[in-house]
């Protein structure tokens, strides 16, 4: 079973992004997958965070080595496998967005934030394309309520030139229907 991110927002001095699955999952914008009841563990939350960090680095590296189109494809696969957009709106507030496009409740809005290039989101330059080479998450706390959880803490990212960015993050999780 997958754990999907349904709530994701950050507050801080820079940037963030999603979790990488081993294979891309089919994406049906009309389907609403029902969550399966099974308690989420702290270990699963931490694994989802490690996967998110790995995906951020993978998308950035893909952009640097294979170009924007390849990075966009990978970012779409990450969103489909790790964010619950197939279950309905996701409460995603990216760190570096500003009004009027602060919140990204749709997959298209999230993809634009991560890789830019969408005319509907002209201010997005691609958070995931910033040359990230390392990423770590540290929780201040995790609250589990059955098949849902919420975590709060910091994500620290290092770019290819060694620059470090730390953001405050709160993520929500629900166990996917599969």
N, C-alpha and C. Protein backbone atom coordinates (compact mmCIF):
# COMPACT_ATOMS: atom_id res chain seq x y z
N UNK A 1 0.83 -1.18 0.00
CA UNK A 1 0.00 0.00 0.00
C UNK A 1 0.87 1.24 0.00
N UNK A 2 0.41 2.26 -0.68
CA UNK A 2 1.14 3.52 -0.71
C UNK A 2 0.56 4.47 0.31
N UNK A 3 1.40 5.35 0.80
CA UNK A 3 0.97 6.44 1.66
C UNK A 3 1.01 7.68 0.78
N UNK A 4 -0.11 8.38 0.63
CA UNK A 4 -0.19 9.56 -0.20
C UNK A 4 -0.11 10.82 0.64
N UNK A 5 0.51 11.83 0.07
CA UNK A 5 0.55 13.14 0.70
C UNK A 5 -0.72 13.88 0.30
N UNK A 6 -1.52 14.29 1.27
CA UNK A 6 -2.74 15.04 1.00
C UNK A 6 -2.65 16.47 1.47
N UNK A 7 -1.69 16.75 2.30
CA UNK A 7 -1.52 18.10 2.83
C UNK A 7 -0.03 18.35 2.80
N UNK A 8 0.38 19.46 2.27
CA UNK A 8 1.80 19.73 2.16
C UNK A 8 1.95 21.24 2.08
N UNK A 9 2.50 21.82 3.11
CA UNK A 9 2.79 23.24 3.03
C UNK A 9 4.07 23.53 3.79
N UNK A 10 4.67 24.62 3.44
CA UNK A 10 5.96 24.97 4.03
C UNK A 10 6.00 26.45 4.33
N UNK A 11 6.78 26.80 5.32
CA UNK A 11 6.99 28.19 5.68
C UNK A 11 8.48 28.33 5.92
N UNK A 12 9.16 29.22 5.22
CA UNK A 12 10.58 29.41 5.48
C UNK A 12 11.24 30.30 4.46
N UNK A 13 12.57 30.21 4.41
CA UNK A 13 13.35 31.09 3.57
C UNK A 13 13.64 30.52 2.20
N UNK A 14 13.03 29.43 1.80
CA UNK A 14 13.32 28.94 0.45
C UNK A 14 12.31 27.94 -0.09
N UNK A 15 12.71 26.76 -0.48
CA UNK A 15 11.99 25.89 -1.41
C UNK A 15 11.65 24.46 -0.96
N UNK A 16 10.62 23.59 -1.55
CA UNK A 16 10.40 22.13 -1.45
C UNK A 16 9.74 21.34 -2.62
N UNK A 17 9.20 19.75 -2.50
CA UNK A 17 8.59 18.89 -3.57
C UNK A 17 8.02 17.46 -3.32
N UNK A 18 7.81 16.18 -3.89
CA UNK A 18 7.02 14.92 -3.74
C UNK A 18 7.81 13.63 -3.54
N UNK A 19 7.20 12.43 -3.47
CA UNK A 19 7.90 11.16 -3.22
C UNK A 19 7.92 10.25 -4.43
N UNK A 20 9.00 9.54 -4.64
CA UNK A 20 9.22 8.77 -5.85
C UNK A 20 8.85 7.32 -5.66
N UNK A 21 7.99 6.80 -6.53
CA UNK A 21 7.65 5.37 -6.49
C UNK A 21 8.50 4.65 -7.51
N UNK A 22 8.55 3.34 -7.41
CA UNK A 22 9.39 2.55 -8.31
C UNK A 22 8.86 2.54 -9.72
N UNK A 23 7.56 2.70 -9.92
CA UNK A 23 6.99 2.75 -11.27
C UNK A 23 5.89 3.80 -11.32
N UNK A 24 5.71 4.40 -12.49
CA UNK A 24 4.66 5.40 -12.62
C UNK A 24 3.31 4.71 -12.53
N UNK A 25 2.37 5.37 -11.89
CA UNK A 25 1.03 4.82 -11.71
C UNK A 25 0.11 5.50 -12.72
N UNK A 26 -0.85 4.77 -13.27
CA UNK A 26 -1.80 5.35 -14.21
C UNK A 26 -2.52 6.50 -13.52
N UNK A 27 -2.81 7.54 -14.29
CA UNK A 27 -3.42 8.73 -13.69
C UNK A 27 -4.78 8.97 -14.31
N UNK A 28 -5.83 8.95 -13.51
CA UNK A 28 -7.20 9.20 -13.95
C UNK A 28 -7.74 10.35 -13.13
N UNK A 29 -7.86 11.52 -13.77
CA UNK A 29 -8.31 12.71 -13.05
C UNK A 29 -9.72 12.57 -12.50
N UNK A 30 -10.54 11.67 -13.05
CA UNK A 30 -11.91 11.54 -12.60
C UNK A 30 -12.08 10.56 -11.46
N UNK A 31 -11.13 9.66 -11.26
CA UNK A 31 -11.27 8.61 -10.24
C UNK A 31 -10.98 9.16 -8.85
N UNK A 32 -11.66 8.61 -7.88
CA UNK A 32 -11.43 8.95 -6.48
C UNK A 32 -11.12 7.66 -5.75
N UNK A 33 -9.85 7.39 -5.48
CA UNK A 33 -9.46 6.17 -4.79
C UNK A 33 -9.81 6.29 -3.31
N UNK A 34 -10.44 5.27 -2.79
CA UNK A 34 -10.81 5.27 -1.37
C UNK A 34 -9.62 4.84 -0.53
N UNK A 35 -9.44 5.50 0.60
CA UNK A 35 -8.37 5.14 1.51
C UNK A 35 -8.71 3.81 2.19
N UNK A 36 -7.70 2.98 2.37
CA UNK A 36 -7.85 1.71 3.05
C UNK A 36 -7.49 1.91 4.51
N UNK A 37 -8.29 1.32 5.40
CA UNK A 37 -7.97 1.49 6.80
C UNK A 37 -6.89 0.50 7.22
N UNK A 38 -5.79 1.04 7.62
CA UNK A 38 -4.68 0.31 8.23
C UNK A 38 -3.81 1.38 8.85
N UNK A 39 -3.49 1.26 10.11
CA UNK A 39 -2.71 2.31 10.77
C UNK A 39 -1.40 2.60 10.04
N UNK A 40 -1.08 3.87 9.93
CA UNK A 40 0.20 4.31 9.39
C UNK A 40 1.20 4.29 10.54
N UNK A 41 2.42 3.91 10.25
CA UNK A 41 3.45 3.91 11.29
C UNK A 41 4.37 5.11 11.11
N UNK A 42 5.06 5.47 12.17
CA UNK A 42 6.06 6.54 12.08
C UNK A 42 7.13 6.17 11.06
N UNK A 43 7.50 4.90 11.01
CA UNK A 43 8.51 4.45 10.04
C UNK A 43 8.03 4.70 8.60
N UNK A 44 6.73 4.51 8.33
CA UNK A 44 6.21 4.77 6.98
C UNK A 44 6.24 6.26 6.67
N UNK A 45 5.93 7.10 7.64
CA UNK A 45 6.01 8.55 7.45
C UNK A 45 7.44 8.94 7.12
N UNK A 46 8.38 8.44 7.88
CA UNK A 46 9.80 8.77 7.65
C UNK A 46 10.27 8.26 6.30
N UNK A 47 9.81 7.08 5.89
CA UNK A 47 10.17 6.55 4.57
C UNK A 47 9.59 7.42 3.46
N UNK A 48 8.36 7.87 3.63
CA UNK A 48 7.75 8.77 2.64
C UNK A 48 8.56 10.06 2.52
N UNK A 49 9.05 10.57 3.64
CA UNK A 49 9.87 11.79 3.61
C UNK A 49 11.21 11.55 2.92
N UNK A 50 11.83 10.39 3.19
CA UNK A 50 13.09 10.07 2.50
C UNK A 50 12.85 9.95 0.99
N UNK A 51 11.72 9.33 0.63
CA UNK A 51 11.39 9.19 -0.79
C UNK A 51 11.16 10.55 -1.43
N UNK A 52 10.50 11.46 -0.71
CA UNK A 52 10.27 12.82 -1.21
C UNK A 52 11.61 13.50 -1.48
N UNK A 53 12.52 13.39 -0.53
CA UNK A 53 13.85 13.99 -0.70
C UNK A 53 14.56 13.36 -1.90
N UNK A 54 14.49 12.04 -2.01
CA UNK A 54 15.11 11.36 -3.13
C UNK A 54 14.53 11.80 -4.46
N UNK A 55 13.21 11.99 -4.49
CA UNK A 55 12.55 12.44 -5.71
C UNK A 55 12.98 13.85 -6.09
N UNK A 56 13.10 14.72 -5.10
CA UNK A 56 13.54 16.09 -5.37
C UNK A 56 14.92 16.09 -6.03
N UNK A 57 15.84 15.33 -5.47
CA UNK A 57 17.20 15.24 -6.03
C UNK A 57 17.15 14.60 -7.42
N UNK A 58 16.33 13.55 -7.59
CA UNK A 58 16.25 12.86 -8.88
C UNK A 58 15.71 13.78 -9.97
N UNK A 59 14.70 14.57 -9.67
CA UNK A 59 14.13 15.48 -10.67
C UNK A 59 15.15 16.55 -11.04
N UNK A 60 15.83 17.09 -10.06
CA UNK A 60 16.84 18.12 -10.32
C UNK A 60 17.99 17.56 -11.17
N UNK A 61 18.42 16.36 -10.82
CA UNK A 61 19.50 15.71 -11.58
C UNK A 61 19.04 15.37 -12.99
N UNK A 62 17.81 14.89 -13.12
CA UNK A 62 17.24 14.56 -14.44
C UNK A 62 17.24 15.81 -15.32
N UNK A 63 16.87 16.94 -14.76
CA UNK A 63 16.88 18.19 -15.51
C UNK A 63 18.29 18.54 -15.97
N UNK A 64 19.27 18.38 -15.09
CA UNK A 64 20.65 18.73 -15.42
C UNK A 64 21.26 17.79 -16.46
N UNK A 65 20.87 16.52 -16.43
CA UNK A 65 21.50 15.55 -17.33
C UNK A 65 20.71 15.26 -18.59
N UNK A 66 19.36 15.34 -18.53
CA UNK A 66 18.54 14.96 -19.69
C UNK A 66 17.61 16.06 -20.17
N UNK A 67 17.55 17.17 -19.45
CA UNK A 67 16.75 18.30 -19.89
C UNK A 67 15.38 18.42 -19.24
N UNK A 68 14.73 19.53 -19.56
CA UNK A 68 13.46 19.89 -18.92
C UNK A 68 12.35 18.88 -19.19
N UNK A 69 12.22 18.40 -20.42
CA UNK A 69 11.14 17.46 -20.74
C UNK A 69 11.24 16.19 -19.89
N UNK A 70 12.44 15.66 -19.74
CA UNK A 70 12.64 14.45 -18.93
C UNK A 70 12.34 14.73 -17.46
N UNK A 71 12.75 15.90 -16.97
CA UNK A 71 12.47 16.26 -15.58
C UNK A 71 10.97 16.42 -15.36
N UNK A 72 10.27 16.99 -16.32
CA UNK A 72 8.82 17.17 -16.20
C UNK A 72 8.12 15.81 -16.18
N UNK A 73 8.55 14.89 -17.02
CA UNK A 73 7.97 13.54 -17.03
C UNK A 73 8.17 12.87 -15.68
N UNK A 74 9.38 12.94 -15.15
CA UNK A 74 9.66 12.33 -13.86
C UNK A 74 8.85 13.00 -12.75
N UNK A 75 8.76 14.33 -12.78
CA UNK A 75 7.98 15.04 -11.76
C UNK A 75 6.51 14.61 -11.82
N UNK A 76 5.97 14.42 -13.01
CA UNK A 76 4.59 13.95 -13.14
C UNK A 76 4.41 12.56 -12.55
N UNK A 77 5.38 11.68 -12.76
CA UNK A 77 5.33 10.33 -12.18
C UNK A 77 5.38 10.41 -10.65
N UNK A 78 6.21 11.29 -10.14
CA UNK A 78 6.30 11.47 -8.69
C UNK A 78 4.96 11.95 -8.12
N UNK A 79 4.38 12.95 -8.75
CA UNK A 79 3.08 13.45 -8.28
C UNK A 79 2.02 12.35 -8.31
N UNK A 80 2.01 11.56 -9.37
CA UNK A 80 1.01 10.50 -9.49
C UNK A 80 1.21 9.38 -8.48
N UNK A 81 2.44 9.15 -8.08
CA UNK A 81 2.71 8.04 -7.17
C UNK A 81 2.72 8.44 -5.70
N UNK A 82 2.86 9.73 -5.42
CA UNK A 82 3.07 10.13 -4.03
C UNK A 82 2.07 11.14 -3.50
N UNK A 83 1.42 11.88 -4.35
CA UNK A 83 0.44 12.86 -3.90
C UNK A 83 -0.94 12.31 -4.22
N UNK A 84 -1.91 12.57 -3.39
CA UNK A 84 -3.24 12.00 -3.53
C UNK A 84 -4.17 12.78 -4.44
N UNK A 85 -3.66 13.38 -5.52
CA UNK A 85 -4.54 14.13 -6.41
C UNK A 85 -5.62 13.24 -7.03
N UNK A 86 -5.37 11.93 -7.16
CA UNK A 86 -6.39 11.03 -7.68
C UNK A 86 -7.51 10.80 -6.66
N UNK A 87 -7.31 11.23 -5.42
CA UNK A 87 -8.32 11.08 -4.37
C UNK A 87 -9.15 12.35 -4.19
N UNK A 88 -8.73 13.43 -4.83
CA UNK A 88 -9.41 14.72 -4.71
C UNK A 88 -8.40 15.82 -4.52
N UNK A 89 -8.84 17.01 -4.14
CA UNK A 89 -7.89 18.12 -3.96
C UNK A 89 -6.85 17.81 -2.88
N UNK A 90 -5.64 18.26 -3.12
CA UNK A 90 -4.55 18.16 -2.14
C UNK A 90 -4.29 19.57 -1.63
N UNK A 91 -4.15 19.71 -0.32
CA UNK A 91 -3.88 21.02 0.26
C UNK A 91 -2.37 21.27 0.24
N UNK A 92 -1.90 21.78 -0.89
CA UNK A 92 -0.47 21.98 -1.14
C UNK A 92 -0.20 23.48 -1.21
N UNK A 93 0.62 23.95 -0.28
CA UNK A 93 1.04 25.35 -0.26
C UNK A 93 2.55 25.36 -0.41
N UNK A 94 3.04 25.48 -1.65
CA UNK A 94 4.49 25.51 -1.86
C UNK A 94 5.13 26.72 -1.18
N UNK A 95 6.36 26.56 -0.78
CA UNK A 95 7.08 27.59 -0.05
C UNK A 95 7.24 28.88 -0.85
N UNK A 96 7.61 28.77 -2.10
CA UNK A 96 7.96 29.96 -2.88
C UNK A 96 6.87 30.42 -3.83
N UNK A 97 5.64 30.34 -3.42
CA UNK A 97 4.57 30.87 -4.25
C UNK A 97 4.01 32.12 -3.59
N UNK A 98 3.41 32.95 -4.41
CA UNK A 98 2.81 34.18 -3.90
C UNK A 98 1.43 34.35 -4.52
N UNK A 99 0.62 35.16 -3.87
CA UNK A 99 -0.72 35.44 -4.40
C UNK A 99 -0.58 36.00 -5.81
N UNK A 100 -1.44 35.69 -6.71
CA UNK A 100 -2.72 35.02 -6.50
C UNK A 100 -2.65 33.49 -6.66
N UNK A 101 -1.48 32.92 -6.85
CA UNK A 101 -1.39 31.47 -7.10
C UNK A 101 -0.65 30.76 -5.97
N UNK A 102 -0.97 31.08 -4.75
CA UNK A 102 -0.30 30.53 -3.59
C UNK A 102 -0.59 29.04 -3.40
N UNK A 103 -1.82 28.62 -3.56
CA UNK A 103 -2.22 27.26 -3.22
C UNK A 103 -2.35 26.42 -4.48
N UNK A 104 -1.94 25.13 -4.38
CA UNK A 104 -1.95 24.23 -5.53
C UNK A 104 -2.77 22.99 -5.22
N UNK A 105 -4.07 23.10 -5.35
CA UNK A 105 -4.96 21.99 -5.03
C UNK A 105 -5.12 21.01 -6.20
N UNK A 106 -4.53 21.32 -7.36
CA UNK A 106 -4.61 20.44 -8.52
C UNK A 106 -3.23 19.92 -8.89
N UNK A 107 -3.20 18.78 -9.57
CA UNK A 107 -1.95 18.19 -10.05
C UNK A 107 -1.22 19.16 -10.99
N UNK A 108 -1.96 19.82 -11.86
CA UNK A 108 -1.35 20.74 -12.82
C UNK A 108 -0.63 21.88 -12.10
N UNK A 109 -1.26 22.40 -11.04
CA UNK A 109 -0.63 23.47 -10.28
C UNK A 109 0.63 23.00 -9.57
N UNK A 110 0.59 21.78 -9.03
CA UNK A 110 1.77 21.23 -8.37
C UNK A 110 2.90 21.00 -9.37
N UNK A 111 2.57 20.44 -10.53
CA UNK A 111 3.59 20.19 -11.55
C UNK A 111 4.23 21.49 -12.00
N UNK A 112 3.42 22.53 -12.18
CA UNK A 112 3.96 23.84 -12.57
C UNK A 112 4.93 24.35 -11.51
N UNK A 113 4.59 24.20 -10.25
CA UNK A 113 5.49 24.64 -9.19
C UNK A 113 6.82 23.91 -9.26
N UNK A 114 6.79 22.60 -9.44
CA UNK A 114 8.02 21.81 -9.42
C UNK A 114 8.91 22.01 -10.63
N UNK A 115 8.32 22.18 -11.82
CA UNK A 115 9.17 22.25 -13.02
C UNK A 115 8.92 23.48 -13.89
N UNK A 116 7.98 24.34 -13.53
CA UNK A 116 7.74 25.55 -14.32
C UNK A 116 7.21 25.21 -15.72
N UNK A 117 7.26 26.21 -16.61
CA UNK A 117 6.90 26.00 -18.01
C UNK A 117 5.42 25.92 -18.29
N UNK A 118 4.56 26.35 -17.38
CA UNK A 118 3.11 26.30 -17.59
C UNK A 118 2.61 27.74 -17.66
N UNK A 119 2.03 28.12 -18.81
CA UNK A 119 1.55 29.49 -19.01
C UNK A 119 0.50 29.91 -17.98
N UNK A 120 -0.22 28.93 -17.42
CA UNK A 120 -1.22 29.25 -16.42
C UNK A 120 -0.59 29.67 -15.09
N UNK A 121 0.71 29.37 -14.92
CA UNK A 121 1.46 29.71 -13.70
C UNK A 121 2.75 30.42 -14.12
N UNK A 122 2.64 31.65 -14.64
CA UNK A 122 3.79 32.33 -15.24
C UNK A 122 4.94 32.64 -14.28
N UNK A 123 4.70 32.68 -12.98
CA UNK A 123 5.76 33.00 -12.03
C UNK A 123 6.54 31.79 -11.55
N UNK A 124 6.12 30.59 -11.95
CA UNK A 124 6.81 29.37 -11.52
C UNK A 124 8.06 29.13 -12.37
N UNK A 125 9.20 29.01 -11.70
CA UNK A 125 10.46 28.77 -12.40
C UNK A 125 10.96 27.34 -12.21
N UNK A 126 10.29 26.56 -11.39
CA UNK A 126 10.68 25.17 -11.20
C UNK A 126 11.48 24.96 -9.92
N UNK A 127 10.79 24.82 -8.82
CA UNK A 127 11.46 24.58 -7.55
C UNK A 127 12.37 23.36 -7.60
N UNK A 128 11.92 22.30 -8.25
CA UNK A 128 12.70 21.06 -8.28
C UNK A 128 13.90 21.14 -9.22
N UNK A 129 14.04 22.23 -9.93
CA UNK A 129 15.12 22.37 -10.92
C UNK A 129 16.26 23.24 -10.41
N UNK A 130 16.39 23.37 -9.11
CA UNK A 130 17.36 24.30 -8.51
C UNK A 130 18.74 23.66 -8.24
N UNK A 131 19.02 22.53 -8.86
CA UNK A 131 20.34 21.92 -8.69
C UNK A 131 20.50 21.15 -7.38
N UNK A 132 19.40 20.66 -6.82
CA UNK A 132 19.47 19.94 -5.55
C UNK A 132 20.27 18.65 -5.69
N UNK A 133 21.17 18.41 -4.73
CA UNK A 133 22.00 17.20 -4.75
C UNK A 133 21.87 16.39 -3.46
N UNK A 134 21.30 16.99 -2.42
CA UNK A 134 21.12 16.29 -1.15
C UNK A 134 19.92 16.90 -0.45
N UNK A 135 19.19 16.05 0.28
CA UNK A 135 17.99 16.51 0.97
C UNK A 135 17.79 15.62 2.19
N UNK A 136 17.46 16.25 3.32
CA UNK A 136 17.19 15.51 4.55
C UNK A 136 15.99 16.12 5.26
N UNK A 137 15.20 15.26 5.89
CA UNK A 137 14.03 15.71 6.64
C UNK A 137 14.23 15.37 8.11
N UNK A 138 13.84 16.27 9.00
CA UNK A 138 13.91 16.03 10.45
C UNK A 138 12.58 16.45 11.05
N UNK A 139 11.92 15.52 11.72
CA UNK A 139 10.61 15.80 12.30
C UNK A 139 10.72 16.41 13.69
N UNK A 140 9.87 17.41 13.93
CA UNK A 140 9.67 17.91 15.28
C UNK A 140 8.61 17.06 15.96
N UNK A 141 7.71 16.49 15.14
CA UNK A 141 6.67 15.63 15.67
C UNK A 141 5.88 14.96 14.57
N UNK A 142 5.30 13.81 14.90
CA UNK A 142 4.42 13.06 14.00
C UNK A 142 3.20 12.67 14.81
N UNK A 143 2.01 12.94 14.29
CA UNK A 143 0.77 12.54 14.95
C UNK A 143 0.07 11.56 14.01
N UNK A 144 -0.22 10.38 14.53
CA UNK A 144 -0.87 9.34 13.75
C UNK A 144 -2.27 9.13 14.30
N UNK A 145 -3.24 9.13 13.38
CA UNK A 145 -4.63 8.87 13.73
C UNK A 145 -5.13 7.79 12.77
N UNK A 146 -4.88 6.56 13.12
CA UNK A 146 -5.31 5.44 12.26
C UNK A 146 -4.60 5.45 10.92
N UNK A 147 -5.40 5.55 9.83
CA UNK A 147 -4.80 5.51 8.49
C UNK A 147 -4.44 6.89 7.97
N UNK A 148 -4.38 7.88 8.87
CA UNK A 148 -3.90 9.21 8.50
C UNK A 148 -2.81 9.64 9.49
N UNK A 149 -1.99 10.56 9.03
CA UNK A 149 -0.93 11.09 9.89
C UNK A 149 -0.60 12.50 9.43
N UNK A 150 0.01 13.24 10.32
CA UNK A 150 0.51 14.57 10.00
C UNK A 150 1.88 14.69 10.64
N UNK A 151 2.81 15.31 9.91
CA UNK A 151 4.15 15.51 10.46
C UNK A 151 4.54 16.97 10.27
N UNK A 152 5.43 17.42 11.17
CA UNK A 152 5.92 18.79 11.12
C UNK A 152 7.40 18.75 11.44
N UNK A 153 8.18 19.51 10.71
CA UNK A 153 9.61 19.56 10.97
C UNK A 153 10.31 20.40 9.92
N UNK A 154 11.58 20.09 9.72
CA UNK A 154 12.41 20.82 8.76
C UNK A 154 12.85 19.91 7.63
N UNK A 155 13.00 20.49 6.46
CA UNK A 155 13.65 19.83 5.34
C UNK A 155 14.83 20.71 4.97
N UNK A 156 15.99 20.07 4.89
CA UNK A 156 17.21 20.79 4.52
C UNK A 156 17.68 20.24 3.18
N UNK A 157 17.99 21.16 2.26
CA UNK A 157 18.42 20.79 0.91
C UNK A 157 19.72 21.50 0.59
N UNK A 158 20.57 20.78 -0.14
CA UNK A 158 21.84 21.35 -0.58
C UNK A 158 21.88 21.31 -2.10
N UNK A 159 22.26 22.44 -2.70
CA UNK A 159 22.36 22.54 -4.15
C UNK A 159 23.74 22.10 -4.61
N UNK A 160 23.88 21.97 -5.92
CA UNK A 160 25.13 21.50 -6.51
C UNK A 160 26.33 22.38 -6.17
N UNK A 161 26.13 23.62 -5.88
CA UNK A 161 27.23 24.52 -5.50
C UNK A 161 27.43 24.56 -3.98
N UNK A 162 26.71 23.71 -3.25
CA UNK A 162 26.88 23.63 -1.81
C UNK A 162 25.95 24.52 -1.01
N UNK A 163 25.18 25.37 -1.67
CA UNK A 163 24.26 26.25 -0.95
C UNK A 163 23.21 25.43 -0.23
N UNK A 164 22.94 25.78 1.02
CA UNK A 164 21.97 25.06 1.84
C UNK A 164 20.72 25.90 2.03
N UNK A 165 19.57 25.23 1.95
CA UNK A 165 18.27 25.86 2.19
C UNK A 165 17.53 24.99 3.18
N UNK A 166 16.97 25.59 4.21
CA UNK A 166 16.17 24.87 5.20
C UNK A 166 14.78 25.48 5.23
N UNK A 167 13.77 24.63 5.19
CA UNK A 167 12.38 25.09 5.24
C UNK A 167 11.63 24.35 6.34
N UNK A 168 10.59 24.98 6.84
CA UNK A 168 9.68 24.33 7.78
C UNK A 168 8.59 23.67 6.96
N UNK A 169 8.23 22.43 7.28
CA UNK A 169 7.23 21.71 6.49
C UNK A 169 6.23 21.04 7.40
N UNK A 170 5.01 20.99 6.92
CA UNK A 170 3.96 20.19 7.53
C UNK A 170 3.38 19.35 6.40
N UNK A 171 3.34 18.03 6.61
CA UNK A 171 2.79 17.11 5.60
C UNK A 171 1.65 16.32 6.23
N UNK A 172 0.64 16.04 5.43
CA UNK A 172 -0.43 15.14 5.85
C UNK A 172 -0.39 13.89 5.01
N UNK A 173 -0.76 12.76 5.58
CA UNK A 173 -0.68 11.47 4.88
C UNK A 173 -1.97 10.69 5.07
N UNK A 174 -2.31 9.91 4.06
CA UNK A 174 -3.42 8.96 4.17
C UNK A 174 -2.99 7.71 3.40
N UNK A 175 -3.38 6.57 3.89
CA UNK A 175 -3.04 5.32 3.21
C UNK A 175 -3.90 5.24 1.95
N UNK A 176 -3.27 4.94 0.82
CA UNK A 176 -3.97 4.84 -0.45
C UNK A 176 -4.85 3.60 -0.53
N UNK A 177 -5.82 3.63 -1.44
CA UNK A 177 -6.76 2.54 -1.61
C UNK A 177 -6.16 1.26 -2.13
N UNK A 178 -4.95 1.33 -2.71
CA UNK A 178 -4.31 0.12 -3.22
C UNK A 178 -3.39 -0.52 -2.21
